[in-house]
N, C-alpha and C. Protein backbone atom coordinates (compact mmCIF):
# COMPACT_ATOMS: atom_id res chain seq x y z
N MET A 1 0.81 -1.20 0.00
CA MET A 1 0.00 0.00 0.00
C MET A 1 0.85 1.26 0.00
N GLU A 2 2.07 1.15 0.51
CA GLU A 2 2.94 2.32 0.53
C GLU A 2 3.23 2.81 -0.89
N SER A 3 3.44 1.87 -1.82
CA SER A 3 3.71 2.29 -3.20
C SER A 3 2.48 2.95 -3.82
N PHE A 4 1.28 2.52 -3.43
CA PHE A 4 0.06 3.14 -3.92
C PHE A 4 -0.05 4.57 -3.39
N ALA A 5 0.21 4.73 -2.12
CA ALA A 5 0.15 6.06 -1.51
C ALA A 5 1.16 7.00 -2.16
N GLN A 6 2.36 6.50 -2.43
CA GLN A 6 3.38 7.32 -3.06
C GLN A 6 2.98 7.70 -4.48
N MET A 7 2.40 6.75 -5.20
CA MET A 7 1.94 7.01 -6.55
C MET A 7 0.86 8.10 -6.54
N MET A 8 -0.04 8.05 -5.57
CA MET A 8 -1.08 9.06 -5.45
C MET A 8 -0.48 10.42 -5.10
N ALA A 9 0.45 10.42 -4.17
CA ALA A 9 1.08 11.68 -3.76
C ALA A 9 1.86 12.31 -4.91
N ASP A 10 2.48 11.47 -5.72
CA ASP A 10 3.28 11.96 -6.86
C ASP A 10 2.42 12.25 -8.09
N LEU A 11 1.14 11.89 -8.04
CA LEU A 11 0.25 12.01 -9.20
C LEU A 11 0.87 11.35 -10.42
N ASP A 12 1.35 10.13 -10.22
CA ASP A 12 2.06 9.39 -11.26
C ASP A 12 1.22 8.23 -11.77
N GLY A 13 0.33 8.50 -12.69
CA GLY A 13 -0.55 7.49 -13.24
C GLY A 13 0.16 6.48 -14.13
N GLN A 14 1.38 6.79 -14.55
CA GLN A 14 2.12 5.85 -15.40
C GLN A 14 2.47 4.58 -14.64
N ARG A 15 2.55 4.66 -13.33
CA ARG A 15 2.85 3.47 -12.52
C ARG A 15 1.62 2.66 -12.19
N LEU A 16 0.44 3.18 -12.50
CA LEU A 16 -0.81 2.52 -12.11
C LEU A 16 -0.97 1.11 -12.69
N PRO A 17 -0.77 0.89 -13.99
CA PRO A 17 -0.96 -0.47 -14.53
C PRO A 17 -0.08 -1.52 -13.84
N ALA A 18 1.17 -1.18 -13.59
CA ALA A 18 2.07 -2.13 -12.92
C ALA A 18 1.63 -2.38 -11.49
N TRP A 19 1.18 -1.32 -10.81
CA TRP A 19 0.71 -1.48 -9.44
C TRP A 19 -0.53 -2.35 -9.40
N LEU A 20 -1.46 -2.15 -10.35
CA LEU A 20 -2.67 -2.96 -10.39
C LEU A 20 -2.35 -4.44 -10.57
N LYS A 21 -1.42 -4.75 -11.44
CA LYS A 21 -1.02 -6.15 -11.65
C LYS A 21 -0.41 -6.74 -10.38
N GLN A 22 0.44 -5.97 -9.74
CA GLN A 22 1.08 -6.44 -8.51
C GLN A 22 0.05 -6.64 -7.40
N ALA A 23 -0.87 -5.71 -7.26
CA ALA A 23 -1.88 -5.81 -6.21
C ALA A 23 -2.85 -6.95 -6.48
N GLU A 24 -3.18 -7.19 -7.73
CA GLU A 24 -4.09 -8.29 -8.09
C GLU A 24 -3.48 -9.65 -7.75
N ALA A 25 -2.17 -9.72 -7.75
CA ALA A 25 -1.48 -10.99 -7.48
C ALA A 25 -1.40 -11.32 -5.99
N THR A 26 -1.86 -10.44 -5.13
CA THR A 26 -1.80 -10.70 -3.69
C THR A 26 -2.95 -11.61 -3.25
N ASP A 27 -2.85 -12.06 -2.03
CA ASP A 27 -3.92 -12.87 -1.43
C ASP A 27 -4.75 -12.05 -0.45
N LEU A 28 -4.81 -10.74 -0.68
CA LEU A 28 -5.54 -9.87 0.23
C LEU A 28 -6.86 -9.42 -0.40
N PRO A 29 -7.99 -9.99 0.03
CA PRO A 29 -9.28 -9.64 -0.56
C PRO A 29 -9.59 -8.14 -0.57
N PRO A 30 -9.29 -7.38 0.50
CA PRO A 30 -9.59 -5.94 0.43
C PRO A 30 -8.78 -5.23 -0.66
N LEU A 31 -7.55 -5.66 -0.85
CA LEU A 31 -6.71 -5.05 -1.89
C LEU A 31 -7.24 -5.41 -3.27
N LYS A 32 -7.67 -6.66 -3.45
CA LYS A 32 -8.25 -7.07 -4.72
C LYS A 32 -9.55 -6.30 -5.00
N SER A 33 -10.30 -6.01 -3.94
CA SER A 33 -11.52 -5.22 -4.09
C SER A 33 -11.19 -3.80 -4.55
N LEU A 34 -10.14 -3.23 -3.99
CA LEU A 34 -9.70 -1.91 -4.42
C LEU A 34 -9.29 -1.93 -5.88
N VAL A 35 -8.55 -2.95 -6.28
CA VAL A 35 -8.12 -3.09 -7.68
C VAL A 35 -9.35 -3.16 -8.59
N ASN A 36 -10.34 -3.95 -8.21
CA ASN A 36 -11.55 -4.07 -9.02
C ASN A 36 -12.25 -2.72 -9.17
N GLY A 37 -12.33 -1.97 -8.08
CA GLY A 37 -12.95 -0.65 -8.13
C GLY A 37 -12.18 0.31 -9.02
N ILE A 38 -10.88 0.30 -8.90
CA ILE A 38 -10.04 1.16 -9.74
C ILE A 38 -10.20 0.77 -11.20
N CYS A 39 -10.18 -0.51 -11.48
CA CYS A 39 -10.32 -0.98 -12.87
C CYS A 39 -11.67 -0.58 -13.45
N HIS A 40 -12.70 -0.60 -12.62
CA HIS A 40 -14.04 -0.22 -13.10
C HIS A 40 -14.08 1.25 -13.53
N TYR A 41 -13.32 2.07 -12.83
CA TYR A 41 -13.27 3.51 -13.11
C TYR A 41 -11.88 3.93 -13.58
N LEU A 42 -11.21 3.05 -14.33
CA LEU A 42 -9.82 3.27 -14.69
C LEU A 42 -9.59 4.59 -15.42
N ALA A 43 -10.45 4.92 -16.36
CA ALA A 43 -10.27 6.17 -17.11
C ALA A 43 -10.34 7.38 -16.17
N ALA A 44 -11.28 7.36 -15.25
CA ALA A 44 -11.43 8.48 -14.31
C ALA A 44 -10.25 8.56 -13.35
N VAL A 45 -9.80 7.42 -12.86
CA VAL A 45 -8.66 7.41 -11.94
C VAL A 45 -7.41 7.90 -12.66
N THR A 46 -7.19 7.42 -13.87
CA THR A 46 -6.03 7.84 -14.65
C THR A 46 -6.08 9.34 -14.93
N ALA A 47 -7.24 9.84 -15.30
CA ALA A 47 -7.39 11.27 -15.57
C ALA A 47 -7.16 12.09 -14.30
N GLY A 48 -7.65 11.60 -13.20
CA GLY A 48 -7.45 12.30 -11.93
C GLY A 48 -5.99 12.39 -11.55
N LEU A 49 -5.26 11.32 -11.80
CA LEU A 49 -3.82 11.35 -11.52
C LEU A 49 -3.11 12.30 -12.46
N ALA A 50 -3.55 12.36 -13.69
CA ALA A 50 -2.89 13.20 -14.69
C ALA A 50 -3.15 14.68 -14.44
N MET A 51 -4.33 15.01 -13.93
CA MET A 51 -4.67 16.42 -13.81
C MET A 51 -4.66 16.92 -12.38
N GLY A 52 -4.28 16.10 -11.46
CA GLY A 52 -4.36 16.43 -10.03
C GLY A 52 -4.03 17.86 -9.67
N ALA A 53 -2.82 18.30 -9.90
CA ALA A 53 -2.40 19.64 -9.49
C ALA A 53 -3.14 20.72 -10.27
N SER A 54 -3.32 20.52 -11.56
CA SER A 54 -4.01 21.54 -12.34
C SER A 54 -5.48 21.63 -11.95
N PHE A 55 -6.08 20.52 -11.55
CA PHE A 55 -7.46 20.54 -11.09
C PHE A 55 -7.57 21.35 -9.80
N ASP A 56 -6.62 21.17 -8.89
CA ASP A 56 -6.64 21.93 -7.65
C ASP A 56 -6.55 23.43 -7.93
N LEU A 57 -5.71 23.82 -8.88
CA LEU A 57 -5.59 25.23 -9.23
C LEU A 57 -6.89 25.76 -9.82
N LEU A 58 -7.51 24.98 -10.68
CA LEU A 58 -8.79 25.38 -11.27
C LEU A 58 -9.86 25.55 -10.20
N ARG A 59 -9.91 24.60 -9.28
CA ARG A 59 -10.89 24.67 -8.19
C ARG A 59 -10.68 25.92 -7.35
N LEU A 60 -9.44 26.26 -7.05
CA LEU A 60 -9.15 27.47 -6.29
C LEU A 60 -9.58 28.72 -7.05
N GLN A 61 -9.35 28.74 -8.35
CA GLN A 61 -9.75 29.89 -9.15
C GLN A 61 -11.27 30.05 -9.13
N ILE A 62 -11.98 28.96 -9.20
CA ILE A 62 -13.45 29.01 -9.19
C ILE A 62 -13.93 29.49 -7.82
N LEU A 63 -13.34 28.98 -6.76
CA LEU A 63 -13.76 29.37 -5.41
C LEU A 63 -13.51 30.85 -5.15
N HIS A 64 -12.40 31.37 -5.67
CA HIS A 64 -12.06 32.77 -5.42
C HIS A 64 -12.76 33.71 -6.39
N ALA A 65 -13.40 33.20 -7.42
CA ALA A 65 -14.11 34.03 -8.38
C ALA A 65 -15.42 34.57 -7.82
N ASP A 66 -15.93 33.88 -6.80
CA ASP A 66 -17.21 34.29 -6.20
C ASP A 66 -17.02 35.51 -5.42
């Protein structure tokens, strides 16, 4: 899980496919459930990782526009 947390913190979606394969190979049902959920929404998760910082900036601009 540490590698997943680091990938999220780094907003590095390029590591996601390898992490998913590694996590799927474990014997941990909760981790496999997480993998299934991520795979179901893979495009959204990948996009979120790709735009993370820019999305935060956009959200701040919208909040301060009011």
